[in-house]
Amino acid sequence: MLVYFIFAILGIFLFRGVVDGEIVSEEYNFTNFHMAMIMLFTLSTGEEWPTILHDVEKTEPDCIEGKNCGSNLSPLYFIVFVMLCTFIMLNLFVLIILQQFDLYYFADDNILE
């Protein structure tokens, strides 16, 4: 949750001016904290994150101020977020496997415990 909180605040700061794009719209954007958390949850599932990245990376003179002007830091933001979420989910998956292995396959007199 801390990662989501930090990236939601960063997303609001960097992309709050983007409300028009292929995926980003009036209902799905970084304008407030709640919408940013929903957007980040969707991004953490791997759903359409490159398209959202392209929606928010437009900068002047290719954008309309207040409608689709994003930040040139968007590739760094999205790649770091996706990699961090993937790393966390992989660690949680390994943790579950190790806990199940410990619970069902280690003997009580095992020296590794």
PDB file of N, CA and C in Angstrom:
ATOM      1  N   MET A   1       0.830  -1.203   0.000  1.00  0.00           N
ATOM      2  CA  MET A   1       0.000   0.000   0.000  1.00  0.00           C
ATOM      3  C   MET A   1       0.870   1.262   0.000  1.00  0.00           C
ATOM      4  N   LEU A   2       2.042   1.172   0.621  1.00  0.00           N
ATOM      5  CA  LEU A   2       2.931   2.334   0.640  1.00  0.00           C
ATOM      6  C   LEU A   2       3.400   2.681  -0.774  1.00  0.00           C
ATOM      7  N   VAL A   3       3.706   1.667  -1.580  1.00  0.00           N
ATOM      8  CA  VAL A   3       4.126   1.899  -2.964  1.00  0.00           C
ATOM      9  C   VAL A   3       2.992   2.555  -3.745  1.00  0.00           C
ATOM     10  N   TYR A   4       1.780   2.051  -3.577  1.00  0.00           N
ATOM     11  CA  TYR A   4       0.628   2.641  -4.266  1.00  0.00           C
ATOM     12  C   TYR A   4       0.416   4.095  -3.825  1.00  0.00           C
ATOM     13  N   PHE A   5       0.544   4.358  -2.537  1.00  0.00           N
ATOM     14  CA  PHE A   5       0.352   5.715  -2.016  1.00  0.00           C
ATOM     15  C   PHE A   5       1.368   6.676  -2.614  1.00  0.00           C
ATOM     16  N   ILE A   6       2.642   6.276  -2.601  1.00  0.00           N
ATOM     17  CA  ILE A   6       3.695   7.148  -3.129  1.00  0.00           C
ATOM     18  C   ILE A   6       3.491   7.403  -4.619  1.00  0.00           C
ATOM     19  N   PHE A   7       3.208   6.359  -5.377  1.00  0.00           N
ATOM     20  CA  PHE A   7       3.034   6.537  -6.811  1.00  0.00           C
ATOM     21  C   PHE A   7       1.735   7.264  -7.144  1.00  0.00           C
ATOM     22  N   ALA A   8       0.709   7.159  -6.319  1.00  0.00           N
ATOM     23  CA  ALA A   8      -0.520   7.919  -6.548  1.00  0.00           C
ATOM     24  C   ALA A   8      -0.257   9.415  -6.387  1.00  0.00           C
ATOM     25  N   ILE A   9       0.458   9.780  -5.343  1.00  0.00           N
ATOM     26  CA  ILE A   9       0.793  11.191  -5.135  1.00  0.00           C
ATOM     27  C   ILE A   9       1.664  11.708  -6.273  1.00  0.00           C
ATOM     28  N   LEU A  10       2.669  10.919  -6.668  1.00  0.00           N
ATOM     29  CA  LEU A  10       3.519  11.306  -7.796  1.00  0.00           C
ATOM     30  C   LEU A  10       2.710  11.433  -9.086  1.00  0.00           C
ATOM     31  N   GLY A  11       1.797  10.494  -9.322  1.00  0.00           N
ATOM     32  CA  GLY A  11       0.966  10.539 -10.521  1.00  0.00           C
ATOM     33  C   GLY A  11       0.085  11.769 -10.565  1.00  0.00           C
ATOM     34  N   ILE A  12      -0.478  12.150  -9.427  1.00  0.00           N
ATOM     35  CA  ILE A  12      -1.296  13.366  -9.369  1.00  0.00           C
ATOM     36  C   ILE A  12      -0.437  14.585  -9.692  1.00  0.00           C
ATOM     37  N   PHE A  13       0.754  14.620  -9.124  1.00  0.00           N
ATOM     38  CA  PHE A  13       1.649  15.748  -9.357  1.00  0.00           C
ATOM     39  C   PHE A  13       2.076  15.842 -10.824  1.00  0.00           C
ATOM     40  N   LEU A  14       2.364  14.709 -11.453  1.00  0.00           N
ATOM     41  CA  LEU A  14       2.890  14.715 -12.818  1.00  0.00           C
ATOM     42  C   LEU A  14       1.812  14.747 -13.905  1.00  0.00           C
ATOM     43  N   PHE A  15       0.670  14.077 -13.675  1.00  0.00           N
ATOM     44  CA  PHE A  15      -0.283  13.843 -14.765  1.00  0.00           C
ATOM     45  C   PHE A  15      -1.684  14.367 -14.514  1.00  0.00           C
ATOM     46  N   ARG A  16      -1.894  15.256 -13.571  1.00  0.00           N
ATOM     47  CA  ARG A  16      -3.254  15.706 -13.271  1.00  0.00           C
ATOM     48  C   ARG A  16      -3.872  16.504 -14.411  1.00  0.00           C
ATOM     49  N   GLY A  17      -3.061  17.019 -15.324  1.00  0.00           N
ATOM     50  CA  GLY A  17      -3.589  17.784 -16.451  1.00  0.00           C
ATOM     51  C   GLY A  17      -4.049  16.936 -17.613  1.00  0.00           C
ATOM     52  N   VAL A  18      -3.846  15.627 -17.544  1.00  0.00           N
ATOM     53  CA  VAL A  18      -4.215  14.751 -18.664  1.00  0.00           C
ATOM     54  C   VAL A  18      -5.598  14.164 -18.400  1.00  0.00           C
ATOM     55  N   VAL A  19      -6.566  14.561 -19.200  1.00  0.00           N
ATOM     56  CA  VAL A  19      -7.926  14.023 -19.073  1.00  0.00           C
ATOM     57  C   VAL A  19      -8.470  13.547 -20.410  1.00  0.00           C
ATOM     58  N   ASP A  20      -7.606  13.507 -21.427  1.00  0.00           N
ATOM     59  CA  ASP A  20      -8.053  13.079 -22.747  1.00  0.00           C
ATOM     60  C   ASP A  20      -6.962  12.217 -23.375  1.00  0.00           C
ATOM     61  N   GLY A  21      -7.364  11.038 -23.822  1.00  0.00           N
ATOM     62  CA  GLY A  21      -6.429  10.127 -24.471  1.00  0.00           C
ATOM     63  C   GLY A  21      -7.164   8.890 -24.939  1.00  0.00           C
ATOM     64  N   GLU A  22      -6.398   7.915 -25.360  1.00  0.00           N
ATOM     65  CA  GLU A  22      -7.009   6.671 -25.834  1.00  0.00           C
ATOM     66  C   GLU A  22      -7.654   5.898 -24.690  1.00  0.00           C
ATOM     67  N   ILE A  23      -6.983   5.826 -23.549  1.00  0.00           N
ATOM     68  CA  ILE A  23      -7.522   5.147 -22.364  1.00  0.00           C
ATOM     69  C   ILE A  23      -7.896   6.174 -21.297  1.00  0.00           C
ATOM     70  N   VAL A  24      -7.034   7.143 -21.086  1.00  0.00           N
ATOM     71  CA  VAL A  24      -7.288   8.180 -20.077  1.00  0.00           C
ATOM     72  C   VAL A  24      -8.478   9.014 -20.523  1.00  0.00           C
ATOM     73  N   SER A  25      -9.420   9.222 -19.594  1.00  0.00           N
ATOM     74  CA  SER A  25     -10.632   9.976 -19.924  1.00  0.00           C
ATOM     75  C   SER A  25     -11.067  10.775 -18.694  1.00  0.00           C
ATOM     76  N   GLU A  26     -12.224  11.371 -18.771  1.00  0.00           N
ATOM     77  CA  GLU A  26     -12.771  12.138 -17.636  1.00  0.00           C
ATOM     78  C   GLU A  26     -13.018  11.244 -16.427  1.00  0.00           C
ATOM     79  N   GLU A  27     -13.327   9.973 -16.657  1.00  0.00           N
ATOM     80  CA  GLU A  27     -13.635   9.049 -15.563  1.00  0.00           C
ATOM     81  C   GLU A  27     -12.432   8.231 -15.112  1.00  0.00           C
ATOM     82  N   TYR A  28     -11.359   8.232 -15.867  1.00  0.00           N
ATOM     83  CA  TYR A  28     -10.221   7.349 -15.620  1.00  0.00           C
ATOM     84  C   TYR A  28      -8.929   8.135 -15.816  1.00  0.00           C
ATOM     85  N   ASN A  29      -8.417   8.746 -14.723  1.00  0.00           N
ATOM     86  CA  ASN A  29      -7.269   9.641 -14.864  1.00  0.00           C
ATOM     87  C   ASN A  29      -6.542   9.798 -13.524  1.00  0.00           C
ATOM     88  N   PHE A  30      -5.628  10.736 -13.469  1.00  0.00           N
ATOM     89  CA  PHE A  30      -4.850  11.018 -12.261  1.00  0.00           C
ATOM     90  C   PHE A  30      -5.258  12.349 -11.621  1.00  0.00           C
ATOM     91  N   THR A  31      -6.499  12.770 -11.737  1.00  0.00           N
ATOM     92  CA  THR A  31      -6.879  14.095 -11.230  1.00  0.00           C
ATOM     93  C   THR A  31      -7.007  14.154  -9.716  1.00  0.00           C
ATOM     94  N   ASN A  32      -7.373  13.055  -9.062  1.00  0.00           N
ATOM     95  CA  ASN A  32      -7.438  13.051  -7.597  1.00  0.00           C
ATOM     96  C   ASN A  32      -6.901  11.717  -7.069  1.00  0.00           C
ATOM     97  N   PHE A  33      -6.815  11.615  -5.756  1.00  0.00           N
ATOM     98  CA  PHE A  33      -6.187  10.450  -5.138  1.00  0.00           C
ATOM     99  C   PHE A  33      -6.937   9.156  -5.426  1.00  0.00           C
ATOM    100  N   HIS A  34      -8.254   9.190  -5.346  1.00  0.00           N
ATOM    101  CA  HIS A  34      -9.047   7.981  -5.575  1.00  0.00           C
ATOM    102  C   HIS A  34      -8.895   7.465  -7.002  1.00  0.00           C
ATOM    103  N   MET A  35      -8.948   8.371  -7.957  1.00  0.00           N
ATOM    104  CA  MET A  35      -8.798   7.972  -9.354  1.00  0.00           C
ATOM    105  C   MET A  35      -7.383   7.467  -9.629  1.00  0.00           C
ATOM    106  N   ALA A  36      -6.396   8.080  -8.981  1.00  0.00           N
ATOM    107  CA  ALA A  36      -5.013   7.633  -9.157  1.00  0.00           C
ATOM    108  C   ALA A  36      -4.814   6.232  -8.592  1.00  0.00           C
ATOM    109  N   MET A  37      -5.441   5.929  -7.459  1.00  0.00           N
ATOM    110  CA  MET A  37      -5.322   4.582  -6.885  1.00  0.00           C
ATOM    111  C   MET A  37      -5.987   3.545  -7.787  1.00  0.00           C
ATOM    112  N   ILE A  38      -7.122   3.870  -8.360  1.00  0.00           N
ATOM    113  CA  ILE A  38      -7.785   2.957  -9.293  1.00  0.00           C
ATOM    114  C   ILE A  38      -6.910   2.742 -10.526  1.00  0.00           C
ATOM    115  N   MET A  39      -6.334   3.821 -11.025  1.00  0.00           N
ATOM    116  CA  MET A  39      -5.453   3.726 -12.185  1.00  0.00           C
ATOM    117  C   MET A  39      -4.236   2.863 -11.874  1.00  0.00           C
ATOM    118  N   LEU A  40      -3.648   3.030 -10.705  1.00  0.00           N
ATOM    119  CA  LEU A  40      -2.466   2.251 -10.333  1.00  0.00           C
ATOM    120  C   LEU A  40      -2.802   0.783 -10.109  1.00  0.00           C
ATOM    121  N   PHE A  41      -3.967   0.498  -9.560  1.00  0.00           N
ATOM    122  CA  PHE A  41      -4.367  -0.899  -9.408  1.00  0.00           C
ATOM    123  C   PHE A  41      -4.492  -1.563 -10.773  1.00  0.00           C
ATOM    124  N   THR A  42      -5.076  -0.857 -11.721  1.00  0.00           N
ATOM    125  CA  THR A  42      -5.185  -1.387 -13.079  1.00  0.00           C
ATOM    126  C   THR A  42      -3.807  -1.577 -13.696  1.00  0.00           C
ATOM    127  N   LEU A  43      -2.914  -0.628 -13.477  1.00  0.00           N
ATOM    128  CA  LEU A  43      -1.563  -0.736 -14.014  1.00  0.00           C
ATOM    129  C   LEU A  43      -0.808  -1.906 -13.402  1.00  0.00           C
ATOM    130  N   SER A  44      -1.035  -2.183 -12.129  1.00  0.00           N
ATOM    131  CA  SER A  44      -0.309  -3.268 -11.471  1.00  0.00           C
ATOM    132  C   SER A  44      -0.736  -4.641 -11.977  1.00  0.00           C
ATOM    133  N   THR A  45      -1.896  -4.731 -12.596  1.00  0.00           N
ATOM    134  CA  THR A  45      -2.316  -5.992 -13.195  1.00  0.00           C
ATOM    135  C   THR A  45      -1.706  -6.186 -14.574  1.00  0.00           C
ATOM    136  N   GLY A  46      -1.060  -5.149 -15.101  1.00  0.00           N
ATOM    137  CA  GLY A  46      -0.451  -5.227 -16.419  1.00  0.00           C
ATOM    138  C   GLY A  46      -1.392  -4.871 -17.539  1.00  0.00           C
ATOM    139  N   GLU A  47      -2.571  -4.392 -17.202  1.00  0.00           N
ATOM    140  CA  GLU A  47      -3.600  -4.095 -18.193  1.00  0.00           C
ATOM    141  C   GLU A  47      -3.375  -2.724 -18.829  1.00  0.00           C
ATOM    142  N   GLU A  48      -3.061  -2.697 -20.107  1.00  0.00           N
ATOM    143  CA  GLU A  48      -2.992  -1.483 -20.926  1.00  0.00           C
ATOM    144  C   GLU A  48      -1.995  -0.432 -20.431  1.00  0.00           C
ATOM    145  N   TRP A  49      -0.953  -0.805 -19.692  1.00  0.00           N
ATOM    146  CA  TRP A  49      -0.057   0.233 -19.191  1.00  0.00           C
ATOM    147  C   TRP A  49       0.755   0.916 -20.282  1.00  0.00           C
ATOM    148  N   PRO A  50       1.158   0.258 -21.376  1.00  0.00           N
ATOM    149  CA  PRO A  50       1.863   1.024 -22.418  1.00  0.00           C
ATOM    150  C   PRO A  50       0.971   2.073 -23.091  1.00  0.00           C
ATOM    151  N   THR A  51      -0.299   1.771 -23.246  1.00  0.00           N
ATOM    152  CA  THR A  51      -1.213   2.736 -23.857  1.00  0.00           C
ATOM    153  C   THR A  51      -1.424   3.934 -22.940  1.00  0.00           C
ATOM    154  N   ILE A  52      -1.555   3.681 -21.651  1.00  0.00           N
ATOM    155  CA  ILE A  52      -1.704   4.779 -20.690  1.00  0.00           C
ATOM    156  C   ILE A  52      -0.421   5.601 -20.651  1.00  0.00           C
ATOM    157  N   LEU A  53       0.721   4.936 -20.745  1.00  0.00           N
ATOM    158  CA  LEU A  53       2.004   5.634 -20.799  1.00  0.00           C
ATOM    159  C   LEU A  53       2.042   6.589 -21.986  1.00  0.00           C
ATOM    160  N   HIS A  54       1.599   6.145 -23.147  1.00  0.00           N
ATOM    161  CA  HIS A  54       1.595   7.015 -24.326  1.00  0.00           C
ATOM    162  C   HIS A  54       0.567   8.143 -24.197  1.00  0.00           C
ATOM    163  N   ASP A  55      -0.515   7.900 -23.473  1.00  0.00           N
ATOM    164  CA  ASP A  55      -1.512   8.962 -23.259  1.00  0.00           C
ATOM    165  C   ASP A  55      -0.953  10.111 -22.428  1.00  0.00           C
ATOM    166  N   VAL A  56      -0.120   9.800 -21.451  1.00  0.00           N
ATOM    167  CA  VAL A  56       0.340  10.838 -20.519  1.00  0.00           C
ATOM    168  C   VAL A  56       1.731  11.376 -20.818  1.00  0.00           C
ATOM    169  N   GLU A  57       2.370  10.927 -21.893  1.00  0.00           N
ATOM    170  CA  GLU A  57       3.728  11.404 -22.162  1.00  0.00           C
ATOM    171  C   GLU A  57       3.794  12.566 -23.143  1.00  0.00           C
ATOM    172  N   LYS A  58       2.671  13.040 -23.624  1.00  0.00           N
ATOM    173  CA  LYS A  58       2.681  14.167 -24.552  1.00  0.00           C
ATOM    174  C   LYS A  58       3.109  15.433 -23.822  1.00  0.00           C
ATOM    175  N   THR A  59       3.984  16.202 -24.443  1.00  0.00           N
ATOM    176  CA  THR A  59       4.425  17.475 -23.894  1.00  0.00           C
ATOM    177  C   THR A  59       4.304  18.539 -24.988  1.00  0.00           C
ATOM    178  N   GLU A  60       4.498  19.774 -24.608  1.00  0.00           N
ATOM    179  CA  GLU A  60       4.389  20.871 -25.572  1.00  0.00           C
ATOM    180  C   GLU A  60       5.422  20.681 -26.673  1.00  0.00           C
ATOM    181  N   PRO A  61       5.189  20.987 -27.890  1.00  0.00           N
ATOM    182  CA  PRO A  61       4.045  21.647 -28.510  1.00  0.00           C
ATOM    183  C   PRO A  61       2.991  20.679 -29.042  1.00  0.00           C
ATOM    184  N   ASP A  62       3.118  19.383 -28.721  1.00  0.00           N
ATOM    185  CA  ASP A  62       2.198  18.370 -29.253  1.00  0.00           C
ATOM    186  C   ASP A  62       0.938  18.176 -28.418  1.00  0.00           C
ATOM    187  N   CYS A  63       0.702  19.021 -27.434  1.00  0.00           N
ATOM    188  CA  CYS A  63      -0.446  18.815 -26.552  1.00  0.00           C
ATOM    189  C   CYS A  63      -1.265  20.087 -26.396  1.00  0.00           C
ATOM    190  N   ILE A  64      -2.446  19.920 -25.824  1.00  0.00           N
ATOM    191  CA  ILE A  64      -3.333  21.043 -25.514  1.00  0.00           C
ATOM    192  C   ILE A  64      -3.328  21.195 -24.003  1.00  0.00           C
ATOM    193  N   GLU A  65      -2.939  22.364 -23.517  1.00  0.00           N
ATOM    194  CA  GLU A  65      -2.825  22.610 -22.076  1.00  0.00           C
ATOM    195  C   GLU A  65      -4.166  22.385 -21.382  1.00  0.00           C
ATOM    196  N   GLY A  66      -4.160  21.613 -20.293  1.00  0.00           N
ATOM    197  CA  GLY A  66      -5.366  21.323 -19.531  1.00  0.00           C
ATOM    198  C   GLY A  66      -6.171  20.159 -20.076  1.00  0.00           C
ATOM    199  N   LYS A  67      -5.718  19.581 -21.181  1.00  0.00           N
ATOM    200  CA  LYS A  67      -6.474  18.485 -21.772  1.00  0.00           C
ATOM    201  C   LYS A  67      -5.637  17.213 -21.896  1.00  0.00           C
ATOM    202  N   ASN A  68      -4.444  17.310 -22.454  1.00  0.00           N
ATOM    203  CA  ASN A  68      -3.629  16.117 -22.611  1.00  0.00           C
ATOM    204  C   ASN A  68      -2.136  16.366 -22.460  1.00  0.00           C
ATOM    205  N   CYS A  69      -1.741  17.393 -21.717  1.00  0.00           N
ATOM    206  CA  CYS A  69      -0.314  17.657 -21.474  1.00  0.00           C
ATOM    207  C   CYS A  69       0.155  16.862 -20.266  1.00  0.00           C
ATOM    208  N   GLY A  70       1.095  15.982 -20.489  1.00  0.00           N
ATOM    209  CA  GLY A  70       1.630  15.151 -19.418  1.00  0.00           C
ATOM    210  C   GLY A  70       3.022  15.592 -19.026  1.00  0.00           C
ATOM    211  N   SER A  71       3.884  14.611 -18.847  1.00  0.00           N
ATOM    212  CA  SER A  71       5.246  14.878 -18.409  1.00  0.00           C
ATOM    213  C   SER A  71       6.201  14.006 -19.198  1.00  0.00           C
ATOM    214  N   ASN A  72       7.419  14.508 -19.389  1.00  0.00           N
ATOM    215  CA  ASN A  72       8.418  13.706 -20.068  1.00  0.00           C
ATOM    216  C   ASN A  72       9.033  12.658 -19.130  1.00  0.00           C
ATOM    217  N   LEU A  73       8.645  12.654 -17.871  1.00  0.00           N
ATOM    218  CA  LEU A  73       9.098  11.649 -16.910  1.00  0.00           C
ATOM    219  C   LEU A  73       8.188  10.426 -16.876  1.00  0.00           C
ATOM    220  N   SER A  74       7.169  10.403 -17.721  1.00  0.00           N
ATOM    221  CA  SER A  74       6.210   9.296 -17.678  1.00  0.00           C
ATOM    222  C   SER A  74       6.823   7.929 -17.974  1.00  0.00           C
ATOM    223  N   PRO A  75       7.768   7.776 -18.926  1.00  0.00           N
ATOM    224  CA  PRO A  75       8.347   6.431 -19.106  1.00  0.00           C
ATOM    225  C   PRO A  75       9.048   5.927 -17.843  1.00  0.00           C
ATOM    226  N   LEU A  76       9.789   6.789 -17.184  1.00  0.00           N
ATOM    227  CA  LEU A  76      10.466   6.397 -15.944  1.00  0.00           C
ATOM    228  C   LEU A  76       9.454   6.022 -14.867  1.00  0.00           C
ATOM    229  N   TYR A  77       8.415   6.826 -14.707  1.00  0.00           N
ATOM    230  CA  TYR A  77       7.373   6.581 -13.707  1.00  0.00           C
ATOM    231  C   TYR A  77       6.704   5.227 -13.923  1.00  0.00           C
ATOM    232  N   PHE A  78       6.246   4.959 -15.142  1.00  0.00           N
ATOM    233  CA  PHE A  78       5.498   3.737 -15.414  1.00  0.00           C
ATOM    234  C   PHE A  78       6.374   2.492 -15.380  1.00  0.00           C
ATOM    235  N   ILE A  79       7.585   2.573 -15.929  1.00  0.00           N
ATOM    236  CA  ILE A  79       8.468   1.408 -15.929  1.00  0.00           C
ATOM    237  C   ILE A  79       8.882   1.047 -14.515  1.00  0.00           C
ATOM    238  N   VAL A  80       9.220   2.040 -13.699  1.00  0.00           N
ATOM    239  CA  VAL A  80       9.580   1.757 -12.308  1.00  0.00           C
ATOM    240  C   VAL A  80       8.398   1.180 -11.548  1.00  0.00           C
ATOM    241  N   PHE A  81       7.204   1.734 -11.745  1.00  0.00           N
ATOM    242  CA  PHE A  81       6.029   1.222 -11.038  1.00  0.00           C
ATOM    243  C   PHE A  81       5.710  -0.217 -11.438  1.00  0.00           C
ATOM    244  N   VAL A  82       5.712  -0.504 -12.725  1.00  0.00           N
ATOM    245  CA  VAL A  82       5.386  -1.856 -13.188  1.00  0.00           C
ATOM    246  C   VAL A  82       6.437  -2.859 -12.719  1.00  0.00           C
ATOM    247  N   MET A  83       7.701  -2.484 -12.786  1.00  0.00           N
ATOM    248  CA  MET A  83       8.757  -3.399 -12.336  1.00  0.00           C
ATOM    249  C   MET A  83       8.688  -3.625 -10.828  1.00  0.00           C
ATOM    250  N   LEU A  84       8.407  -2.578 -10.069  1.00  0.00           N
ATOM    251  CA  LEU A  84       8.290  -2.716  -8.614  1.00  0.00           C
ATOM    252  C   LEU A  84       7.107  -3.595  -8.239  1.00  0.00           C
ATOM    253  N   CYS A  85       5.980  -3.409  -8.893  1.00  0.00           N
ATOM    254  CA  CYS A  85       4.806  -4.256  -8.617  1.00  0.00           C
ATOM    255  C   CYS A  85       5.063  -5.699  -9.012  1.00  0.00           C
ATOM    256  N   THR A  86       5.717  -5.910 -10.130  1.00  0.00           N
ATOM    257  CA  THR A  86       6.048  -7.271 -10.556  1.00  0.00           C
ATOM    258  C   THR A  86       6.983  -7.930  -9.560  1.00  0.00           C
ATOM    259  N   PHE A  87       7.961  -7.193  -9.074  1.00  0.00           N
ATOM    260  CA  PHE A  87       8.896  -7.715  -8.080  1.00  0.00           C
ATOM    261  C   PHE A  87       8.186  -8.084  -6.777  1.00  0.00           C
ATOM    262  N   ILE A  88       7.299  -7.216  -6.320  1.00  0.00           N
ATOM    263  CA  ILE A  88       6.559  -7.481  -5.079  1.00  0.00           C
ATOM    264  C   ILE A  88       5.653  -8.696  -5.241  1.00  0.00           C
ATOM    265  N   MET A  89       4.939  -8.791  -6.356  1.00  0.00           N
ATOM    266  CA  MET A  89       4.049  -9.934  -6.577  1.00  0.00           C
ATOM    267  C   MET A  89       4.833 -11.235  -6.705  1.00  0.00           C
ATOM    268  N   LEU A  90       5.993 -11.197  -7.337  1.00  0.00           N
ATOM    269  CA  LEU A  90       6.831 -12.388  -7.449  1.00  0.00           C
ATOM    270  C   LEU A  90       7.307 -12.836  -6.076  1.00  0.00           C
ATOM    271  N   ASN A  91       7.706 -11.891  -5.242  1.00  0.00           N
ATOM    272  CA  ASN A  91       8.130 -12.239  -3.880  1.00  0.00           C
ATOM    273  C   ASN A  91       6.985 -12.820  -3.059  1.00  0.00           C
ATOM    274  N   LEU A  92       5.783 -12.282  -3.210  1.00  0.00           N
ATOM    275  CA  LEU A  92       4.636 -12.842  -2.492  1.00  0.00           C
ATOM    276  C   LEU A  92       4.320 -14.251  -2.970  1.00  0.00           C
ATOM    277  N   PHE A  93       4.449 -14.495  -4.264  1.00  0.00           N
ATOM    278  CA  PHE A  93       4.216 -15.822  -4.818  1.00  0.00           C
ATOM    279  C   PHE A  93       5.240 -16.822  -4.272  1.00  0.00           C
ATOM    280  N   VAL A  94       6.507 -16.446  -4.238  1.00  0.00           N
ATOM    281  CA  VAL A  94       7.556 -17.315  -3.692  1.00  0.00           C
ATOM    282  C   VAL A  94       7.325 -17.557  -2.209  1.00  0.00           C
ATOM    283  N   LEU A  95       6.896 -16.531  -1.481  1.00  0.00           N
ATOM    284  CA  LEU A  95       6.609 -16.683  -0.051  1.00  0.00           C
ATOM    285  C   LEU A  95       5.516 -17.718   0.181  1.00  0.00           C
ATOM    286  N   ILE A  96       4.461 -17.672  -0.608  1.00  0.00           N
ATOM    287  CA  ILE A  96       3.375 -18.641  -0.454  1.00  0.00           C
ATOM    288  C   ILE A  96       3.861 -20.053  -0.746  1.00  0.00           C
ATOM    289  N   ILE A  97       4.652 -20.217  -1.786  1.00  0.00           N
ATOM    290  CA  ILE A  97       5.185 -21.538  -2.110  1.00  0.00           C
ATOM    291  C   ILE A  97       6.067 -22.054  -0.974  1.00  0.00           C
ATOM    292  N   LEU A  98       6.932 -21.205  -0.441  1.00  0.00           N
ATOM    293  CA  LEU A  98       7.813 -21.638   0.651  1.00  0.00           C
ATOM    294  C   LEU A  98       7.038 -21.972   1.919  1.00  0.00           C
ATOM    295  N   GLN A  99       6.012 -21.210   2.212  1.00  0.00           N
ATOM    296  CA  GLN A  99       5.195 -21.522   3.387  1.00  0.00           C
ATOM    297  C   GLN A  99       4.488 -22.856   3.225  1.00  0.00           C
ATOM    298  N   GLN A 100       3.953 -23.132   2.060  1.00  0.00           N
ATOM    299  CA  GLN A 100       3.291 -24.411   1.837  1.00  0.00           C
ATOM    300  C   GLN A 100       4.277 -25.568   1.864  1.00  0.00           C
ATOM    301  N   PHE A 101       5.462 -25.346   1.316  1.00  0.00           N
ATOM    302  CA  PHE A 101       6.492 -26.369   1.358  1.00  0.00           C
ATOM    303  C   PHE A 101       6.899 -26.650   2.794  1.00  0.00           C
ATOM    304  N   ASP A 102       7.071 -25.611   3.582  1.00  0.00           N
ATOM    305  CA  ASP A 102       7.436 -25.763   4.990  1.00  0.00           C
ATOM    306  C   ASP A 102       6.340 -26.477   5.771  1.00  0.00           C
ATOM    307  N   LEU A 103       5.094 -26.166   5.475  1.00  0.00           N
ATOM    308  CA  LEU A 103       3.972 -26.736   6.211  1.00  0.00           C
ATOM    309  C   LEU A 103       3.770 -28.221   5.904  1.00  0.00           C
ATOM    310  N   TYR A 104       3.905 -28.615   4.632  1.00  0.00           N
ATOM    311  CA  TYR A 104       3.535 -29.976   4.247  1.00  0.00           C
ATOM    312  C   TYR A 104       4.697 -30.920   3.960  1.00  0.00           C
ATOM    313  N   TYR A 105       5.896 -30.408   3.688  1.00  0.00           N
ATOM    314  CA  TYR A 105       6.944 -31.302   3.223  1.00  0.00           C
ATOM    315  C   TYR A 105       8.153 -31.416   4.146  1.00  0.00           C
ATOM    316  N   PHE A 106       8.341 -30.502   5.061  1.00  0.00           N
ATOM    317  CA  PHE A 106       9.451 -30.633   5.997  1.00  0.00           C
ATOM    318  C   PHE A 106       9.057 -31.568   7.121  1.00  0.00           C
ATOM    319  N   ALA A 107       9.956 -32.453   7.470  1.00  0.00           N
ATOM    320  CA  ALA A 107       9.724 -33.341   8.614  1.00  0.00           C
ATOM    321  C   ALA A 107       9.950 -32.569   9.903  1.00  0.00           C
ATOM    322  N   ASP A 108       9.386 -33.051  10.984  1.00  0.00           N
ATOM    323  CA  ASP A 108       9.527 -32.363  12.265  1.00  0.00           C
ATOM    324  C   ASP A 108      10.951 -32.393  12.799  1.00  0.00           C
ATOM    325  N   ASP A 109      11.730 -33.403  12.428  1.00  0.00           N
ATOM    326  CA  ASP A 109      13.100 -33.501  12.914  1.00  0.00           C
ATOM    327  C   ASP A 109      14.126 -33.006  11.874  1.00  0.00           C
ATOM    328  N   ASN A 110      13.702 -32.206  10.942  1.00  0.00           N
ATOM    329  CA  ASN A 110      14.581 -31.687   9.896  1.00  0.00           C
ATOM    330  C   ASN A 110      15.534 -30.658  10.489  1.00  0.00           C
ATOM    331  N   ILE A 111      16.810 -30.711  10.110  1.00  0.00           N
ATOM    332  CA  ILE A 111      17.790 -29.773  10.657  1.00  0.00           C
ATOM    333  C   ILE A 111      17.718 -28.403   9.987  1.00  0.00           C
ATOM    334  N   LEU A 112      17.019 -28.299   8.870  1.00  0.00           N
ATOM    335  CA  LEU A 112      16.897 -27.026   8.192  1.00  0.00           C
ATOM    336  C   LEU A 112      15.907 -26.083   8.883  1.00  0.00           C
ATOM    337  N   GLU A 113      15.087 -26.601   9.717  1.00  0.00           N
ATOM    338  CA  GLU A 113      14.110 -25.749  10.415  1.00  0.00           C
ATOM    339  C   GLU A 113      14.757 -25.065  11.509  1.00  0.00           C
TER     340      GLU A 113
END
